Amino acid sequence: MRKKFEKGQPYRPAAKVAKVKNGTPTVLLIRGKRYVLDHKDRGKAK
């Protein structure tokens, strides 16, 4: 059974770093889901 969380309660999941670019983790795996770092200016032409 999963623990019930309330709003504002601290949560520290175990994360596995899947990709690193310039020393910064850019892709994380948490509980089998993939989370990708997304910068606000990503994809915009300059």
N, C-alpha and C. Protein backbone atom coordinates (compact mmCIF):
# COMPACT_ATOMS: atom_id res chain seq x y z
N MET A 1 0.84 -1.18 0.00
CA MET A 1 0.00 0.00 0.00
C MET A 1 0.88 1.25 0.00
N ARG A 2 0.54 2.19 -0.82
CA ARG A 2 1.30 3.43 -0.90
C ARG A 2 0.98 4.35 0.26
N LYS A 3 1.98 5.13 0.64
CA LYS A 3 1.80 6.11 1.71
C LYS A 3 0.95 7.27 1.19
N LYS A 4 0.05 7.75 2.00
CA LYS A 4 -0.79 8.90 1.64
C LYS A 4 -0.02 10.18 1.97
N PHE A 5 0.05 11.08 1.01
CA PHE A 5 0.75 12.34 1.20
C PHE A 5 -0.26 13.48 1.27
N GLU A 6 0.10 14.47 2.04
CA GLU A 6 -0.71 15.67 2.13
C GLU A 6 0.06 16.83 1.54
N LYS A 7 -0.65 17.85 1.11
CA LYS A 7 -0.04 19.03 0.51
C LYS A 7 0.94 19.67 1.48
N GLY A 8 2.15 19.98 1.01
CA GLY A 8 3.17 20.62 1.82
C GLY A 8 4.09 19.65 2.55
N GLN A 9 3.77 18.36 2.49
CA GLN A 9 4.59 17.35 3.15
C GLN A 9 5.82 17.04 2.29
N PRO A 10 7.02 16.95 2.89
CA PRO A 10 8.22 16.66 2.10
C PRO A 10 8.17 15.27 1.48
N TYR A 11 8.72 15.14 0.28
CA TYR A 11 8.75 13.88 -0.45
C TYR A 11 10.10 13.77 -1.15
N ARG A 12 10.85 12.70 -0.88
CA ARG A 12 12.18 12.53 -1.47
C ARG A 12 12.24 11.18 -2.18
N PRO A 13 11.86 11.13 -3.45
CA PRO A 13 11.89 9.87 -4.17
C PRO A 13 13.32 9.47 -4.56
N ALA A 14 13.53 8.18 -4.78
CA ALA A 14 14.82 7.70 -5.28
C ALA A 14 14.82 7.91 -6.79
N ALA A 15 15.79 8.66 -7.28
CA ALA A 15 15.87 8.97 -8.70
C ALA A 15 17.15 8.40 -9.29
N LYS A 16 17.06 7.89 -10.51
CA LYS A 16 18.23 7.39 -11.23
C LYS A 16 18.51 8.35 -12.38
N VAL A 17 19.75 8.85 -12.45
CA VAL A 17 20.13 9.77 -13.51
C VAL A 17 20.35 8.97 -14.79
N ALA A 18 19.59 9.29 -15.84
CA ALA A 18 19.67 8.58 -17.11
C ALA A 18 20.56 9.30 -18.12
N LYS A 19 20.69 10.64 -17.98
CA LYS A 19 21.50 11.40 -18.93
C LYS A 19 22.05 12.65 -18.25
N VAL A 20 23.31 12.97 -18.57
CA VAL A 20 23.96 14.17 -18.02
C VAL A 20 24.55 14.96 -19.17
N LYS A 21 24.35 16.28 -19.14
CA LYS A 21 24.93 17.15 -20.16
C LYS A 21 25.59 18.32 -19.46
N ASN A 22 26.85 18.54 -19.71
CA ASN A 22 27.64 19.61 -19.09
C ASN A 22 27.56 19.57 -17.57
N GLY A 23 27.56 18.37 -17.02
CA GLY A 23 27.54 18.21 -15.57
C GLY A 23 26.18 18.36 -14.92
N THR A 24 25.13 18.59 -15.70
CA THR A 24 23.77 18.77 -15.16
C THR A 24 22.91 17.57 -15.56
N PRO A 25 22.25 16.92 -14.60
CA PRO A 25 21.35 15.83 -14.97
C PRO A 25 20.20 16.37 -15.82
N THR A 26 19.99 15.80 -16.99
CA THR A 26 18.93 16.28 -17.88
C THR A 26 17.78 15.30 -18.01
N VAL A 27 18.02 14.02 -17.68
CA VAL A 27 16.96 13.02 -17.71
C VAL A 27 17.03 12.20 -16.43
N LEU A 28 15.90 12.09 -15.73
CA LEU A 28 15.81 11.30 -14.50
C LEU A 28 14.77 10.21 -14.66
N LEU A 29 15.00 9.07 -14.01
CA LEU A 29 14.01 8.00 -13.96
C LEU A 29 13.55 7.88 -12.52
N ILE A 30 12.24 8.09 -12.29
CA ILE A 30 11.65 7.99 -10.96
C ILE A 30 10.45 7.07 -11.06
N ARG A 31 10.51 5.95 -10.33
CA ARG A 31 9.44 4.94 -10.33
C ARG A 31 9.05 4.51 -11.74
N GLY A 32 10.04 4.35 -12.61
CA GLY A 32 9.79 3.87 -13.96
C GLY A 32 9.32 4.93 -14.94
N LYS A 33 9.15 6.16 -14.49
CA LYS A 33 8.74 7.24 -15.40
C LYS A 33 9.95 8.11 -15.71
N ARG A 34 9.98 8.65 -16.93
CA ARG A 34 11.10 9.46 -17.40
C ARG A 34 10.76 10.94 -17.29
N TYR A 35 11.61 11.68 -16.58
CA TYR A 35 11.42 13.12 -16.41
C TYR A 35 12.58 13.84 -17.08
N VAL A 36 12.26 14.82 -17.95
CA VAL A 36 13.26 15.51 -18.76
C VAL A 36 13.33 16.97 -18.36
N LEU A 37 14.56 17.50 -18.21
CA LEU A 37 14.76 18.91 -17.92
C LEU A 37 14.33 19.73 -19.13
N ASP A 38 13.50 20.73 -18.91
CA ASP A 38 12.98 21.55 -20.00
C ASP A 38 13.20 23.02 -19.64
N HIS A 39 14.11 23.68 -20.36
CA HIS A 39 14.38 25.09 -20.13
C HIS A 39 13.32 25.95 -20.82
N LYS A 40 13.08 27.13 -20.26
CA LYS A 40 12.04 27.99 -20.83
C LYS A 40 12.36 28.47 -22.24
N ASP A 41 13.65 28.55 -22.61
CA ASP A 41 14.02 29.03 -23.94
C ASP A 41 14.33 27.88 -24.91
N ARG A 42 14.03 26.65 -24.52
CA ARG A 42 14.32 25.49 -25.37
C ARG A 42 13.46 25.51 -26.63
N GLY A 43 14.10 25.33 -27.77
CA GLY A 43 13.37 25.22 -29.01
C GLY A 43 13.05 26.53 -29.71
N LYS A 44 13.36 27.65 -29.10
CA LYS A 44 13.09 28.93 -29.74
C LYS A 44 14.26 29.35 -30.61
N ALA A 45 13.96 29.78 -31.82
CA ALA A 45 15.00 30.26 -32.73
C ALA A 45 15.48 31.63 -32.27
N LYS A 46 16.78 31.85 -32.39
CA LYS A 46 17.33 33.15 -31.97
C LYS A 46 17.61 34.03 -33.16
